[in-house]
Protein backbone atom coordinates (compact mmCIF):
# COMPACT_ATOMS: atom_id res chain seq x y z
CA MET A 1 0.00 0.00 0.00
CA PRO A 2 1.75 3.21 -1.13
CA GLU A 3 1.47 6.06 1.35
CA ILE A 4 2.37 9.57 0.21
CA LEU A 5 2.95 12.45 2.66
CA VAL A 6 2.77 16.04 1.42
CA HIS A 7 4.06 18.79 3.72
CA ILE A 8 2.67 22.27 3.06
CA ALA A 9 2.23 25.60 4.78
CA GLU A 10 -1.36 26.26 5.83
CA GLY A 11 -3.67 28.31 3.67
CA ARG A 12 -4.76 26.13 0.74
CA THR A 13 -8.47 25.63 0.10
CA PRO A 14 -10.14 22.29 0.78
CA GLU A 15 -10.93 22.06 -2.94
CA SER A 16 -7.29 22.51 -3.98
CA LYS A 17 -6.13 19.91 -1.45
CA LYS A 18 -8.77 17.44 -2.66
CA ALA A 19 -7.66 17.99 -6.27
CA LEU A 20 -4.01 17.48 -5.33
CA MET A 21 -4.82 14.21 -3.51
CA LYS A 22 -6.72 12.96 -6.57
CA ASP A 23 -3.88 13.87 -8.95
CA ILE A 24 -1.29 12.18 -6.71
CA THR A 25 -3.47 9.08 -6.43
CA ASP A 26 -3.86 8.91 -10.21
CA ALA A 27 -0.06 9.23 -10.67
CA VAL A 28 0.64 6.42 -8.19
CA VAL A 29 -1.96 4.18 -9.84
CA LYS A 30 -0.43 4.84 -13.27
CA ASN A 31 3.22 4.44 -12.27
CA PHE A 32 3.01 1.75 -9.58
CA GLY A 33 0.17 -0.32 -11.05
CA VAL A 34 -1.87 -0.44 -7.85
CA ALA A 35 -5.59 0.09 -7.29
CA ALA A 36 -6.63 3.60 -6.26
CA GLU A 37 -8.21 2.13 -3.12
CA ARG A 38 -4.73 1.07 -1.96
CA VAL A 39 -3.19 4.55 -2.20
CA VAL A 40 -3.07 6.72 0.92
CA VAL A 41 -2.31 10.43 0.56
CA GLN A 42 -1.90 12.56 3.68
CA ILE A 43 -1.44 16.32 3.68
CA VAL A 44 0.45 17.64 6.69
CA GLU A 45 -0.11 21.35 7.20
CA SER A 46 2.18 23.59 9.23
CA SER A 47 1.42 27.02 10.58
CA LYS A 48 3.28 29.68 8.61
CA ASP A 49 4.93 30.68 11.91
CA ASN A 50 6.32 27.14 12.26
CA LYS A 51 7.87 26.80 8.80
CA SER A 52 10.74 28.80 7.32
CA ARG A 53 12.85 29.17 4.21
CA GLY A 54 16.35 30.55 4.56
CA GLY A 55 15.72 31.16 8.25
CA VAL A 56 12.74 33.44 7.57
CA PRO A 57 9.31 32.24 8.74
CA PHE A 58 6.77 31.81 5.95
CA SER A 59 4.56 34.29 7.82
CA GLU A 60 7.17 36.97 7.05
CA LEU A 61 7.74 36.08 3.39
C-alpha cells in the first residue's frame, strides 16, 4: 500500500487539497500499477509561523 505524505504551509483551500490528492493518487496508480483504493495520501499542514525558508518564517515572506 503506497502512502504519500505532502508537507505544506497552511492556507490552501479544501478544494485545492482534494484535487491534489486525486492527482497524486492517479499518478501512483499509473506508475506503480496499484488500485486507487490502496493509495493513501496525507497532507500535513504547518502554521506559517512554524515553517521557514532561509531562516525566515513563511509568515514573514
